[in-house]
C-alpha cells in the first residue's frame, strides 16, 4: 500500500502527464470548427488516445467515482471521429495517386472514387462541427482539467519520484511490451492480415505507455519509442492497403449496379473500371513494398536487441529505486528473445 507521500508523487506525475493532452484536445476541437486542415481530426483523436493511456496507467490514483465516466467519454470522442478521419485519409491517398497517374482512362475511375468519398465527407461535415462544439462544452474536459489543476496547484515543487511510481512504470511498459511481442510469431507470414492489424494496435498502446513514462526514465527509453512508432507506421500503412484491397471490389460491384439502374446499360461503368482495377493493383504493390521494408527493419531491430535493451533500462531503474519486481521475474524478463 503506497503511503501518503508516494500517492502525491504518483498523482503529481499523472496530472502533469494529463495536462498537455487536455489542452491539445480542446485546441483541436476549436480548429475542427473551422475545418481547414484534415490533420485537426487526427490531432484530436491522438490527444484523446493519449488521455486514455494516462487514465489507464494511473487508474488506481484517480477519483474512483469519475474514472469510469472519464474513460467512457474519452473513448467515445476517439470513436466518434473515426469514420471522418478514415474518409480524409482515403481522399488524401486518392489525390496523391491521381496526381501521379498519366493515363486518362485510369483517372476517370479515380475521379469516381473521389466523388463518392467527397459526398460522404460532405454528409458528415455538419455532424463533425457539431460534435466539436459539444466537445468544447463537455463535462469530461472540465472535470479532468479541474482535477489536474487541483493536484498541481498544491505546489509540491520538485517532488521526487517515488519507488512506487517507478514500479508502476515498470509494470505498465512490461505489460504493453509483452502484448506487443506476442504477435511477433505471426509477422513473417504476410497473409496474417488480422494479426498484423492487432500488432499495430498493440504497438500504439506500447508507444503511448512509453510516452507517458518517458520523463520518468529521463528519456532513456526513447530509442524504443522511436522504433515502436516506426512499427506502428509500417503496420498502419499496411493495414490501409488491406482495407483498400477489401473495399474496392465491393465499391466496383456497387457502382456497376448503380450505373445499370440509372442508365439501363453498363457502358459507362467500363470507363471507370480501369482506374478501379489500377488502384487495386497499386495498393497490392504498395503493400508488398511496405511489408518487405518492415520485415527488413524488424530483423535489424532484433539484432540490436531493441526490446531486450528496453527491458534492461526499466528494470535497472526500478532496481535502483528499490521497486518490487522479484529476481525470478527479472531473470525471465531479461532472457534473450527468440
C-alpha atoms as a PDB file:
ATOM      1  CA  UNK A   1       0.000   0.000   0.000  1.00  0.00           C
ATOM      2  CA  UNK A   2       1.512   3.318  -1.026  1.00  0.00           C
ATOM      3  CA  UNK A   3       1.981   5.907   1.718  1.00  0.00           C
ATOM      4  CA  UNK A   4       0.677   9.453   1.503  1.00  0.00           C
ATOM      5  CA  UNK A   5       3.955  10.860   0.163  1.00  0.00           C
ATOM      6  CA  UNK A   6       4.072   8.195  -2.522  1.00  0.00           C
ATOM      7  CA  UNK A   7       0.479   8.888  -3.520  1.00  0.00           C
ATOM      8  CA  UNK A   8       1.381  12.535  -4.033  1.00  0.00           C
ATOM      9  CA  UNK A   9       4.298  11.594  -6.259  1.00  0.00           C
ATOM     10  CA  UNK A  10       2.147   9.379  -8.473  1.00  0.00           C
ATOM     11  CA  UNK A  11      -0.748  11.827  -8.605  1.00  0.00           C
ATOM     12  CA  UNK A  12       1.521  14.738  -9.408  1.00  0.00           C
ATOM     13  CA  UNK A  13       3.153  12.802 -12.262  1.00  0.00           C
ATOM     14  CA  UNK A  14      -0.274  11.756 -13.553  1.00  0.00           C
ATOM     15  CA  UNK A  15      -1.584  15.340 -13.502  1.00  0.00           C
ATOM     16  CA  UNK A  16       1.482  16.585 -15.354  1.00  0.00           C
ATOM     17  CA  UNK A  17       1.035  13.835 -17.942  1.00  0.00           C
ATOM     18  CA  UNK A  18      -2.627  14.684 -18.497  1.00  0.00           C
ATOM     19  CA  UNK A  19      -2.356  18.465 -18.705  1.00  0.00           C
ATOM     20  CA  UNK A  20      -0.855  18.903 -22.212  1.00  0.00           C
ATOM     21  CA  UNK A  21      -3.211  16.352 -23.769  1.00  0.00           C
ATOM     22  CA  UNK A  22      -6.301  18.016 -22.310  1.00  0.00           C
ATOM     23  CA  UNK A  23      -5.077  21.298 -23.797  1.00  0.00           C
ATOM     24  CA  UNK A  24      -4.395  19.630 -27.165  1.00  0.00           C
ATOM     25  CA  UNK A  25      -7.861  18.083 -27.184  1.00  0.00           C
ATOM     26  CA  UNK A  26      -9.554  21.433 -26.639  1.00  0.00           C
ATOM     27  CA  UNK A  27      -7.383  23.238 -29.206  1.00  0.00           C
ATOM     28  CA  UNK A  28      -8.034  20.547 -31.831  1.00  0.00           C
ATOM     29  CA  UNK A  29     -11.788  20.799 -31.249  1.00  0.00           C
ATOM     30  CA  UNK A  30     -11.611  24.561 -31.787  1.00  0.00           C
ATOM     31  CA  UNK A  31      -9.726  24.106 -35.059  1.00  0.00           C
ATOM     32  CA  UNK A  32     -12.210  21.493 -36.273  1.00  0.00           C
ATOM     33  CA  UNK A  33     -14.950  24.132 -36.117  1.00  0.00           C
ATOM     34  CA  UNK A  34     -13.071  25.916 -38.929  1.00  0.00           C
ATOM     35  CA  UNK A  35     -12.238  22.581 -40.637  1.00  0.00           C
ATOM     36  CA  UNK A  36      -9.320  23.929 -42.622  1.00  0.00           C
ATOM     37  CA  UNK A  37      -6.902  21.066 -42.126  1.00  0.00           C
ATOM     38  CA  UNK A  38      -7.588  17.329 -42.273  1.00  0.00           C
ATOM     39  CA  UNK A  39      -4.941  16.792 -39.588  1.00  0.00           C
ATOM     40  CA  UNK A  40      -7.090  18.511 -36.955  1.00  0.00           C
ATOM     41  CA  UNK A  41      -9.264  15.432 -36.542  1.00  0.00           C
ATOM     42  CA  UNK A  42      -6.170  13.250 -36.398  1.00  0.00           C
ATOM     43  CA  UNK A  43      -4.691  15.502 -33.692  1.00  0.00           C
ATOM     44  CA  UNK A  44      -7.913  15.358 -31.696  1.00  0.00           C
ATOM     45  CA  UNK A  45      -8.054  11.560 -31.833  1.00  0.00           C
ATOM     46  CA  UNK A  46      -4.388  11.255 -30.856  1.00  0.00           C
ATOM     47  CA  UNK A  47      -4.919  13.601 -27.905  1.00  0.00           C
ATOM     48  CA  UNK A  48      -7.923  11.542 -26.771  1.00  0.00           C
ATOM     49  CA  UNK A  49      -5.912   8.310 -27.028  1.00  0.00           C
ATOM     50  CA  UNK A  50      -3.082   9.796 -25.005  1.00  0.00           C
ATOM     51  CA  UNK A  51      -5.534  10.859 -22.319  1.00  0.00           C
ATOM     52  CA  UNK A  52      -6.908   7.320 -22.250  1.00  0.00           C
ATOM     53  CA  UNK A  53      -3.370   5.938 -21.952  1.00  0.00           C
ATOM     54  CA  UNK A  54      -2.722   8.089 -18.893  1.00  0.00           C
ATOM     55  CA  UNK A  55      -6.089   7.206 -17.339  1.00  0.00           C
ATOM     56  CA  UNK A  56      -5.391   3.503 -17.859  1.00  0.00           C
ATOM     57  CA  UNK A  57      -1.885   3.728 -16.435  1.00  0.00           C
ATOM     58  CA  UNK A  58      -2.870   5.674 -13.309  1.00  0.00           C
ATOM     59  CA  UNK A  59      -6.386   4.393 -12.665  1.00  0.00           C
ATOM     60  CA  UNK A  60      -5.526   3.428  -9.056  1.00  0.00           C
ATOM     61  CA  UNK A  61      -4.744   7.026  -8.093  1.00  0.00           C
ATOM     62  CA  UNK A  62      -7.613   8.752  -9.903  1.00  0.00           C
ATOM     63  CA  UNK A  63     -11.031   9.568  -8.419  1.00  0.00           C
ATOM     64  CA  UNK A  64     -12.947   6.287  -8.499  1.00  0.00           C
ATOM     65  CA  UNK A  65     -16.398   7.806  -8.971  1.00  0.00           C
ATOM     66  CA  UNK A  66     -15.394   9.831 -12.024  1.00  0.00           C
ATOM     67  CA  UNK A  67     -12.859   7.471 -13.591  1.00  0.00           C
ATOM     68  CA  UNK A  68     -15.291   5.145 -15.371  1.00  0.00           C
ATOM     69  CA  UNK A  69     -17.188   8.072 -16.866  1.00  0.00           C
ATOM     70  CA  UNK A  70     -13.965   9.785 -17.909  1.00  0.00           C
ATOM     71  CA  UNK A  71     -12.764   6.678 -19.715  1.00  0.00           C
ATOM     72  CA  UNK A  72     -16.080   6.093 -21.469  1.00  0.00           C
ATOM     73  CA  UNK A  73     -16.439   9.730 -22.518  1.00  0.00           C
ATOM     74  CA  UNK A  74     -12.888   9.991 -23.858  1.00  0.00           C
ATOM     75  CA  UNK A  75     -13.253   6.681 -25.683  1.00  0.00           C
ATOM     76  CA  UNK A  76     -16.434   7.944 -27.322  1.00  0.00           C
ATOM     77  CA  UNK A  77     -14.550  11.027 -28.530  1.00  0.00           C
ATOM     78  CA  UNK A  78     -11.926   8.855 -30.216  1.00  0.00           C
ATOM     79  CA  UNK A  79     -14.559   6.646 -31.789  1.00  0.00           C
ATOM     80  CA  UNK A  80     -16.921   9.390 -32.934  1.00  0.00           C
ATOM     81  CA  UNK A  81     -14.342  10.917 -35.273  1.00  0.00           C
ATOM     82  CA  UNK A  82     -13.079   7.606 -36.649  1.00  0.00           C
ATOM     83  CA  UNK A  83     -15.159   7.477 -39.827  1.00  0.00           C
ATOM     84  CA  UNK A  84     -14.464  11.088 -40.759  1.00  0.00           C
ATOM     85  CA  UNK A  85     -10.747  10.560 -40.272  1.00  0.00           C
ATOM     86  CA  UNK A  86     -10.851   7.424 -42.442  1.00  0.00           C
ATOM     87  CA  UNK A  87     -12.533   9.384 -45.252  1.00  0.00           C
ATOM     88  CA  UNK A  88      -9.908  12.122 -45.050  1.00  0.00           C
ATOM     89  CA  UNK A  89      -7.082   9.594 -45.242  1.00  0.00           C
ATOM     90  CA  UNK A  90      -8.693   7.871 -48.232  1.00  0.00           C
ATOM     91  CA  UNK A  91      -9.206  11.169 -50.034  1.00  0.00           C
ATOM     92  CA  UNK A  92      -5.602  12.125 -49.407  1.00  0.00           C
ATOM     93  CA  UNK A  93      -4.456   8.841 -50.952  1.00  0.00           C
ATOM     94  CA  UNK A  94      -6.734   9.198 -53.981  1.00  0.00           C
ATOM     95  CA  UNK A  95      -5.458  12.729 -54.631  1.00  0.00           C
ATOM     96  CA  UNK A  96      -1.878  11.507 -54.399  1.00  0.00           C
ATOM     97  CA  UNK A  97      -2.417   8.588 -56.796  1.00  0.00           C
ATOM     98  CA  UNK A  98      -4.440  10.800 -59.142  1.00  0.00           C
ATOM     99  CA  UNK A  99      -1.663  13.381 -59.362  1.00  0.00           C
ATOM    100  CA  UNK A 100       0.832  10.671 -60.317  1.00  0.00           C
ATOM    101  CA  UNK A 101      -1.394   8.950 -62.889  1.00  0.00           C
ATOM    102  CA  UNK A 102      -0.981   9.942 -66.542  1.00  0.00           C
ATOM    103  CA  UNK A 103      -3.472   7.646 -68.270  1.00  0.00           C
ATOM    104  CA  UNK A 104      -6.841   9.371 -68.688  1.00  0.00           C
ATOM    105  CA  UNK A 105      -8.631   6.021 -68.514  1.00  0.00           C
ATOM    106  CA  UNK A 106      -7.182   5.481 -65.053  1.00  0.00           C
ATOM    107  CA  UNK A 107      -8.030   8.993 -63.889  1.00  0.00           C
ATOM    108  CA  UNK A 108     -11.698   8.507 -64.765  1.00  0.00           C
ATOM    109  CA  UNK A 109     -12.064   5.711 -62.208  1.00  0.00           C
ATOM    110  CA  UNK A 110     -10.091   7.612 -59.591  1.00  0.00           C
ATOM    111  CA  UNK A 111     -12.369  10.628 -60.033  1.00  0.00           C
ATOM    112  CA  UNK A 112     -15.379   8.415 -59.373  1.00  0.00           C
ATOM    113  CA  UNK A 113     -13.954   7.167 -56.087  1.00  0.00           C
ATOM    114  CA  UNK A 114     -13.036  10.713 -55.097  1.00  0.00           C
ATOM    115  CA  UNK A 115     -16.576  11.867 -55.889  1.00  0.00           C
ATOM    116  CA  UNK A 116     -18.131   9.225 -53.645  1.00  0.00           C
ATOM    117  CA  UNK A 117     -15.713   9.966 -50.818  1.00  0.00           C
ATOM    118  CA  UNK A 118     -16.339  13.708 -51.071  1.00  0.00           C
ATOM    119  CA  UNK A 119     -20.065  13.050 -50.911  1.00  0.00           C
ATOM    120  CA  UNK A 120     -19.555  11.055 -47.721  1.00  0.00           C
ATOM    121  CA  UNK A 121     -17.373  13.740 -46.190  1.00  0.00           C
ATOM    122  CA  UNK A 122     -19.880  16.459 -47.017  1.00  0.00           C
ATOM    123  CA  UNK A 123     -22.638  14.424 -45.414  1.00  0.00           C
ATOM    124  CA  UNK A 124     -20.550  14.183 -42.234  1.00  0.00           C
ATOM    125  CA  UNK A 125     -19.309  17.779 -42.241  1.00  0.00           C
ATOM    126  CA  UNK A 126     -22.161  19.274 -40.234  1.00  0.00           C
ATOM    127  CA  UNK A 127     -22.061  16.432 -37.712  1.00  0.00           C
ATOM    128  CA  UNK A 128     -18.314  16.881 -37.304  1.00  0.00           C
ATOM    129  CA  UNK A 129     -18.598  20.575 -36.495  1.00  0.00           C
ATOM    130  CA  UNK A 130     -21.498  19.911 -34.122  1.00  0.00           C
ATOM    131  CA  UNK A 131     -19.503  17.262 -32.259  1.00  0.00           C
ATOM    132  CA  UNK A 132     -16.564  19.645 -31.913  1.00  0.00           C
ATOM    133  CA  UNK A 133     -18.831  22.328 -30.478  1.00  0.00           C
ATOM    134  CA  UNK A 134     -20.304  19.906 -27.959  1.00  0.00           C
ATOM    135  CA  UNK A 135     -16.858  18.610 -27.065  1.00  0.00           C
ATOM    136  CA  UNK A 136     -15.688  22.084 -26.028  1.00  0.00           C
ATOM    137  CA  UNK A 137     -18.561  22.178 -23.538  1.00  0.00           C
ATOM    138  CA  UNK A 138     -18.114  18.555 -22.484  1.00  0.00           C
ATOM    139  CA  UNK A 139     -18.008  17.819 -18.783  1.00  0.00           C
ATOM    140  CA  UNK A 140     -15.172  15.343 -19.291  1.00  0.00           C
ATOM    141  CA  UNK A 141     -12.721  18.077 -20.316  1.00  0.00           C
ATOM    142  CA  UNK A 142     -13.868  20.319 -17.488  1.00  0.00           C
ATOM    143  CA  UNK A 143     -13.779  17.558 -14.860  1.00  0.00           C
ATOM    144  CA  UNK A 144     -10.350  16.218 -15.781  1.00  0.00           C
ATOM    145  CA  UNK A 145      -8.956  19.758 -16.074  1.00  0.00           C
ATOM    146  CA  UNK A 146     -10.278  20.623 -12.630  1.00  0.00           C
ATOM    147  CA  UNK A 147      -8.702  17.509 -11.120  1.00  0.00           C
ATOM    148  CA  UNK A 148      -5.368  18.284 -12.812  1.00  0.00           C
ATOM    149  CA  UNK A 149      -5.416  21.893 -11.605  1.00  0.00           C
ATOM    150  CA  UNK A 150      -6.268  20.813  -8.065  1.00  0.00           C
ATOM    151  CA  UNK A 151      -3.327  18.412  -7.906  1.00  0.00           C
ATOM    152  CA  UNK A 152      -0.828  20.795  -9.491  1.00  0.00           C
ATOM    153  CA  UNK A 153      -1.990  23.835  -7.536  1.00  0.00           C
ATOM    154  CA  UNK A 154      -0.843  22.304  -4.258  1.00  0.00           C
ATOM    155  CA  UNK A 155       2.676  23.243  -5.345  1.00  0.00           C
ATOM    156  CA  UNK A 156       4.827  20.282  -4.456  1.00  0.00           C
ATOM    157  CA  UNK A 157       7.660  21.831  -6.408  1.00  0.00           C
ATOM    158  CA  UNK A 158      10.379  19.395  -7.397  1.00  0.00           C
ATOM    159  CA  UNK A 159       8.724  16.422  -5.774  1.00  0.00           C
ATOM    160  CA  UNK A 160      10.857  13.291  -6.004  1.00  0.00           C
ATOM    161  CA  UNK A 161       9.685  10.310  -7.995  1.00  0.00           C
ATOM    162  CA  UNK A 162       8.813   7.537  -5.560  1.00  0.00           C
ATOM    163  CA  UNK A 163       9.845   3.864  -5.863  1.00  0.00           C
ATOM    164  CA  UNK A 164       6.170   3.015  -6.327  1.00  0.00           C
ATOM    165  CA  UNK A 165       5.987   5.319  -9.334  1.00  0.00           C
ATOM    166  CA  UNK A 166       8.921   3.532 -10.940  1.00  0.00           C
ATOM    167  CA  UNK A 167       7.290   0.211 -10.128  1.00  0.00           C
ATOM    168  CA  UNK A 168       4.129   1.406 -11.859  1.00  0.00           C
ATOM    169  CA  UNK A 169       6.084   2.460 -14.935  1.00  0.00           C
ATOM    170  CA  UNK A 170       7.906  -0.854 -14.966  1.00  0.00           C
ATOM    171  CA  UNK A 171       4.703  -2.895 -14.823  1.00  0.00           C
ATOM    172  CA  UNK A 172       2.902  -0.787 -17.418  1.00  0.00           C
ATOM    173  CA  UNK A 173       5.676  -0.928 -20.010  1.00  0.00           C
ATOM    174  CA  UNK A 174       6.390  -4.606 -19.364  1.00  0.00           C
ATOM    175  CA  UNK A 175       2.741  -5.472 -19.862  1.00  0.00           C
ATOM    176  CA  UNK A 176       2.396  -3.478 -23.081  1.00  0.00           C
ATOM    177  CA  UNK A 177       5.653  -4.857 -24.437  1.00  0.00           C
ATOM    178  CA  UNK A 178       4.566  -8.442 -23.759  1.00  0.00           C
ATOM    179  CA  UNK A 179       1.253  -7.829 -25.546  1.00  0.00           C
ATOM    180  CA  UNK A 180       3.096  -6.321 -28.488  1.00  0.00           C
ATOM    181  CA  UNK A 181       5.699  -9.063 -28.844  1.00  0.00           C
ATOM    182  CA  UNK A 182       3.025 -11.765 -28.642  1.00  0.00           C
ATOM    183  CA  UNK A 183       2.340 -11.059 -32.334  1.00  0.00           C
ATOM    184  CA  UNK A 184       5.951 -11.391 -33.440  1.00  0.00           C
ATOM    185  CA  UNK A 185       5.446 -15.044 -34.330  1.00  0.00           C
ATOM    186  CA  UNK A 186       2.877 -14.026 -36.963  1.00  0.00           C
ATOM    187  CA  UNK A 187       4.708 -11.225 -38.762  1.00  0.00           C
ATOM    188  CA  UNK A 188       6.740 -13.441 -41.077  1.00  0.00           C
ATOM    189  CA  UNK A 189       3.555 -14.613 -42.775  1.00  0.00           C
ATOM    190  CA  UNK A 190       2.444 -11.720 -44.975  1.00  0.00           C
ATOM    191  CA  UNK A 191      -1.066 -13.152 -45.204  1.00  0.00           C
ATOM    192  CA  UNK A 192      -1.802 -12.818 -41.456  1.00  0.00           C
ATOM    193  CA  UNK A 193      -3.844  -9.671 -42.013  1.00  0.00           C
ATOM    194  CA  UNK A 194      -5.745  -9.765 -38.720  1.00  0.00           C
ATOM    195  CA  UNK A 195      -2.650 -10.467 -36.631  1.00  0.00           C
ATOM    196  CA  UNK A 196      -0.695  -7.646 -38.278  1.00  0.00           C
ATOM    197  CA  UNK A 197      -3.594  -5.310 -37.589  1.00  0.00           C
ATOM    198  CA  UNK A 198      -3.723  -6.437 -33.944  1.00  0.00           C
ATOM    199  CA  UNK A 199       0.013  -5.898 -33.636  1.00  0.00           C
ATOM    200  CA  UNK A 200      -0.465  -2.343 -34.895  1.00  0.00           C
ATOM    201  CA  UNK A 201      -2.969  -1.698 -32.113  1.00  0.00           C
ATOM    202  CA  UNK A 202      -0.567  -3.180 -29.550  1.00  0.00           C
ATOM    203  CA  UNK A 203       2.260  -1.039 -30.950  1.00  0.00           C
ATOM    204  CA  UNK A 204       0.084   2.030 -30.492  1.00  0.00           C
ATOM    205  CA  UNK A 205      -0.605   1.144 -26.851  1.00  0.00           C
ATOM    206  CA  UNK A 206       3.081   0.471 -26.180  1.00  0.00           C
ATOM    207  CA  UNK A 207       4.010   3.764 -27.825  1.00  0.00           C
ATOM    208  CA  UNK A 208       1.616   5.724 -25.631  1.00  0.00           C
ATOM    209  CA  UNK A 209       2.873   3.985 -22.484  1.00  0.00           C
ATOM    210  CA  UNK A 210       6.447   4.836 -23.417  1.00  0.00           C
ATOM    211  CA  UNK A 211       5.398   8.432 -23.987  1.00  0.00           C
ATOM    212  CA  UNK A 212       3.659   8.594 -20.615  1.00  0.00           C
ATOM    213  CA  UNK A 213       6.742   7.405 -18.732  1.00  0.00           C
ATOM    214  CA  UNK A 214       9.430   8.996 -20.903  1.00  0.00           C
ATOM    215  CA  UNK A 215      10.102  11.768 -18.383  1.00  0.00           C
ATOM    216  CA  UNK A 216      10.206   9.266 -15.543  1.00  0.00           C
ATOM    217  CA  UNK A 217      13.048   7.389 -17.263  1.00  0.00           C
ATOM    218  CA  UNK A 218      14.775  10.640 -18.286  1.00  0.00           C
ATOM    219  CA  UNK A 219      14.128   9.753 -21.934  1.00  0.00           C
ATOM    220  CA  UNK A 220      16.422   6.719 -21.751  1.00  0.00           C
ATOM    221  CA  UNK A 221      13.570   4.637 -23.228  1.00  0.00           C
ATOM    222  CA  UNK A 222      13.102   6.950 -26.220  1.00  0.00           C
ATOM    223  CA  UNK A 223      15.140   4.679 -28.503  1.00  0.00           C
ATOM    224  CA  UNK A 224      12.369   2.080 -28.117  1.00  0.00           C
ATOM    225  CA  UNK A 225       9.703   4.749 -28.501  1.00  0.00           C
ATOM    226  CA  UNK A 226      11.118   5.692 -31.912  1.00  0.00           C
ATOM    227  CA  UNK A 227      11.168   2.066 -33.066  1.00  0.00           C
ATOM    228  CA  UNK A 228       7.656   1.457 -31.748  1.00  0.00           C
ATOM    229  CA  UNK A 229       6.337   4.483 -33.619  1.00  0.00           C
ATOM    230  CA  UNK A 230       8.037   3.301 -36.805  1.00  0.00           C
ATOM    231  CA  UNK A 231       6.494  -0.146 -36.338  1.00  0.00           C
ATOM    232  CA  UNK A 232       3.075   1.432 -35.839  1.00  0.00           C
ATOM    233  CA  UNK A 233       3.516   3.486 -39.006  1.00  0.00           C
ATOM    234  CA  UNK A 234       4.536   0.452 -41.053  1.00  0.00           C
ATOM    235  CA  UNK A 235       1.652  -1.670 -39.814  1.00  0.00           C
ATOM    236  CA  UNK A 236      -0.813   1.196 -40.166  1.00  0.00           C
ATOM    237  CA  UNK A 237       0.148   1.750 -43.802  1.00  0.00           C
ATOM    238  CA  UNK A 238      -0.037  -1.989 -44.467  1.00  0.00           C
ATOM    239  CA  UNK A 239      -3.483  -2.084 -42.880  1.00  0.00           C
ATOM    240  CA  UNK A 240      -4.630   0.834 -45.032  1.00  0.00           C
ATOM    241  CA  UNK A 241      -3.608  -1.133 -48.130  1.00  0.00           C
ATOM    242  CA  UNK A 242      -5.522  -4.168 -46.876  1.00  0.00           C
ATOM    243  CA  UNK A 243      -8.611  -2.021 -46.331  1.00  0.00           C
ATOM    244  CA  UNK A 244      -8.432  -0.689 -49.901  1.00  0.00           C
ATOM    245  CA  UNK A 245      -7.974  -4.167 -51.377  1.00  0.00           C
ATOM    246  CA  UNK A 246     -11.046  -5.379 -49.488  1.00  0.00           C
ATOM    247  CA  UNK A 247     -13.119  -2.257 -50.150  1.00  0.00           C
ATOM    248  CA  UNK A 248     -12.562  -1.714 -53.871  1.00  0.00           C
ATOM    249  CA  UNK A 249     -14.202  -4.898 -55.249  1.00  0.00           C
ATOM    250  CA  UNK A 250     -17.312  -4.060 -53.204  1.00  0.00           C
ATOM    251  CA  UNK A 251     -17.178  -0.488 -54.477  1.00  0.00           C
ATOM    252  CA  UNK A 252     -16.927  -1.739 -58.067  1.00  0.00           C
ATOM    253  CA  UNK A 253     -19.931  -4.004 -57.632  1.00  0.00           C
ATOM    254  CA  UNK A 254     -21.972  -1.183 -56.104  1.00  0.00           C
ATOM    255  CA  UNK A 255     -21.057   1.250 -58.893  1.00  0.00           C
ATOM    256  CA  UNK A 256     -21.884  -1.344 -61.531  1.00  0.00           C
ATOM    257  CA  UNK A 257     -25.385  -1.770 -60.113  1.00  0.00           C
ATOM    258  CA  UNK A 258     -25.844   1.970 -59.655  1.00  0.00           C
ATOM    259  CA  UNK A 259     -24.892   2.689 -63.280  1.00  0.00           C
ATOM    260  CA  UNK A 260     -27.047  -0.107 -64.667  1.00  0.00           C
ATOM    261  CA  UNK A 261     -30.078   1.092 -62.713  1.00  0.00           C
ATOM    262  CA  UNK A 262     -29.561   4.727 -63.741  1.00  0.00           C
ATOM    263  CA  UNK A 263     -28.732   4.272 -67.438  1.00  0.00           C
ATOM    264  CA  UNK A 264     -30.311   0.909 -68.162  1.00  0.00           C
ATOM    265  CA  UNK A 265     -26.993  -0.308 -69.578  1.00  0.00           C
ATOM    266  CA  UNK A 266     -23.404  -0.687 -68.299  1.00  0.00           C
ATOM    267  CA  UNK A 267     -21.165   1.003 -70.878  1.00  0.00           C
ATOM    268  CA  UNK A 268     -20.376   3.978 -68.554  1.00  0.00           C
ATOM    269  CA  UNK A 269     -19.082   1.505 -65.985  1.00  0.00           C
ATOM    270  CA  UNK A 270     -16.359   0.343 -68.353  1.00  0.00           C
ATOM    271  CA  UNK A 271     -14.999   3.884 -68.457  1.00  0.00           C
ATOM    272  CA  UNK A 272     -14.264   3.848 -64.731  1.00  0.00           C
ATOM    273  CA  UNK A 273     -13.302   0.173 -64.389  1.00  0.00           C
ATOM    274  CA  UNK A 274      -9.631   0.579 -65.497  1.00  0.00           C
ATOM    275  CA  UNK A 275      -9.000   3.163 -62.789  1.00  0.00           C
ATOM    276  CA  UNK A 276     -10.555   0.985 -60.112  1.00  0.00           C
ATOM    277  CA  UNK A 277      -8.537  -2.037 -61.180  1.00  0.00           C
ATOM    278  CA  UNK A 278      -5.399   0.108 -61.308  1.00  0.00           C
ATOM    279  CA  UNK A 279      -5.937   1.246 -57.730  1.00  0.00           C
ATOM    280  CA  UNK A 280      -6.322  -2.345 -56.525  1.00  0.00           C
ATOM    281  CA  UNK A 281      -3.052  -3.248 -58.224  1.00  0.00           C
ATOM    282  CA  UNK A 282      -1.407  -0.105 -56.879  1.00  0.00           C
ATOM    283  CA  UNK A 283      -2.367  -0.893 -53.294  1.00  0.00           C
ATOM    284  CA  UNK A 284      -1.261  -4.525 -53.565  1.00  0.00           C
ATOM    285  CA  UNK A 285       2.131  -3.443 -54.882  1.00  0.00           C
ATOM    286  CA  UNK A 286       2.485  -0.823 -52.149  1.00  0.00           C
ATOM    287  CA  UNK A 287       1.639  -3.386 -49.504  1.00  0.00           C
ATOM    288  CA  UNK A 288       4.344  -5.717 -50.760  1.00  0.00           C
ATOM    289  CA  UNK A 289       6.890  -2.905 -50.598  1.00  0.00           C
ATOM    290  CA  UNK A 290       5.837  -1.870 -47.104  1.00  0.00           C
ATOM    291  CA  UNK A 291       5.813  -5.422 -45.803  1.00  0.00           C
ATOM    292  CA  UNK A 292       9.300  -6.172 -47.184  1.00  0.00           C
ATOM    293  CA  UNK A 293      10.692  -2.957 -45.665  1.00  0.00           C
ATOM    294  CA  UNK A 294       9.048  -3.686 -42.311  1.00  0.00           C
ATOM    295  CA  UNK A 295      10.462  -7.207 -42.085  1.00  0.00           C
ATOM    296  CA  UNK A 296      13.930  -5.949 -43.002  1.00  0.00           C
ATOM    297  CA  UNK A 297      13.814  -3.255 -40.328  1.00  0.00           C
ATOM    298  CA  UNK A 298      12.359  -5.661 -37.783  1.00  0.00           C
ATOM    299  CA  UNK A 299      15.327  -8.002 -38.252  1.00  0.00           C
ATOM    300  CA  UNK A 300      17.721  -5.106 -37.722  1.00  0.00           C
ATOM    301  CA  UNK A 301      15.885  -4.039 -34.560  1.00  0.00           C
ATOM    302  CA  UNK A 302      16.152  -7.589 -33.277  1.00  0.00           C
ATOM    303  CA  UNK A 303      19.879  -7.715 -33.991  1.00  0.00           C
ATOM    304  CA  UNK A 304      20.272  -4.539 -31.949  1.00  0.00           C
ATOM    305  CA  UNK A 305      18.266  -6.217 -29.129  1.00  0.00           C
ATOM    306  CA  UNK A 306      15.920  -3.250 -29.006  1.00  0.00           C
ATOM    307  CA  UNK A 307      13.261  -4.863 -26.853  1.00  0.00           C
ATOM    308  CA  UNK A 308      15.727  -6.593 -24.544  1.00  0.00           C
ATOM    309  CA  UNK A 309      17.514  -3.281 -24.011  1.00  0.00           C
ATOM    310  CA  UNK A 310      14.205  -1.632 -23.183  1.00  0.00           C
ATOM    311  CA  UNK A 311      13.554  -4.284 -20.533  1.00  0.00           C
ATOM    312  CA  UNK A 312      17.035  -3.683 -19.110  1.00  0.00           C
ATOM    313  CA  UNK A 313      16.521   0.069 -18.828  1.00  0.00           C
ATOM    314  CA  UNK A 314      13.222  -0.138 -16.979  1.00  0.00           C
ATOM    315  CA  UNK A 315      14.450  -2.988 -14.758  1.00  0.00           C
ATOM    316  CA  UNK A 316      17.725  -1.370 -13.755  1.00  0.00           C
ATOM    317  CA  UNK A 317      15.949   1.889 -12.979  1.00  0.00           C
ATOM    318  CA  UNK A 318      13.390   0.018 -10.887  1.00  0.00           C
ATOM    319  CA  UNK A 319      16.195  -1.832  -9.113  1.00  0.00           C
ATOM    320  CA  UNK A 320      17.962   1.413  -8.287  1.00  0.00           C
ATOM    321  CA  UNK A 321      14.788   2.811  -6.741  1.00  0.00           C
ATOM    322  CA  UNK A 322      14.117  -0.397  -4.786  1.00  0.00           C
ATOM    323  CA  UNK A 323      10.910  -1.314  -6.587  1.00  0.00           C
ATOM    324  CA  UNK A 324       9.176  -4.607  -6.162  1.00  0.00           C
ATOM    325  CA  UNK A 325       9.774  -6.952  -9.133  1.00  0.00           C
ATOM    326  CA  UNK A 326      11.241 -10.251  -7.877  1.00  0.00           C
ATOM    327  CA  UNK A 327      14.558 -11.644  -9.022  1.00  0.00           C
ATOM    328  CA  UNK A 328      12.752 -14.565 -10.701  1.00  0.00           C
ATOM    329  CA  UNK A 329      10.602 -12.118 -12.657  1.00  0.00           C
ATOM    330  CA  UNK A 330      13.692 -10.203 -13.713  1.00  0.00           C
ATOM    331  CA  UNK A 331      15.559 -13.302 -14.820  1.00  0.00           C
ATOM    332  CA  UNK A 332      12.659 -14.275 -17.048  1.00  0.00           C
ATOM    333  CA  UNK A 333      12.239 -10.732 -18.369  1.00  0.00           C
ATOM    334  CA  UNK A 334      15.852 -10.441 -19.414  1.00  0.00           C
ATOM    335  CA  UNK A 335      16.095 -13.741 -21.239  1.00  0.00           C
ATOM    336  CA  UNK A 336      17.043 -13.194 -24.910  1.00  0.00           C
ATOM    337  CA  UNK A 337      14.002 -13.094 -27.199  1.00  0.00           C
ATOM    338  CA  UNK A 338      13.523 -15.811 -29.769  1.00  0.00           C
END
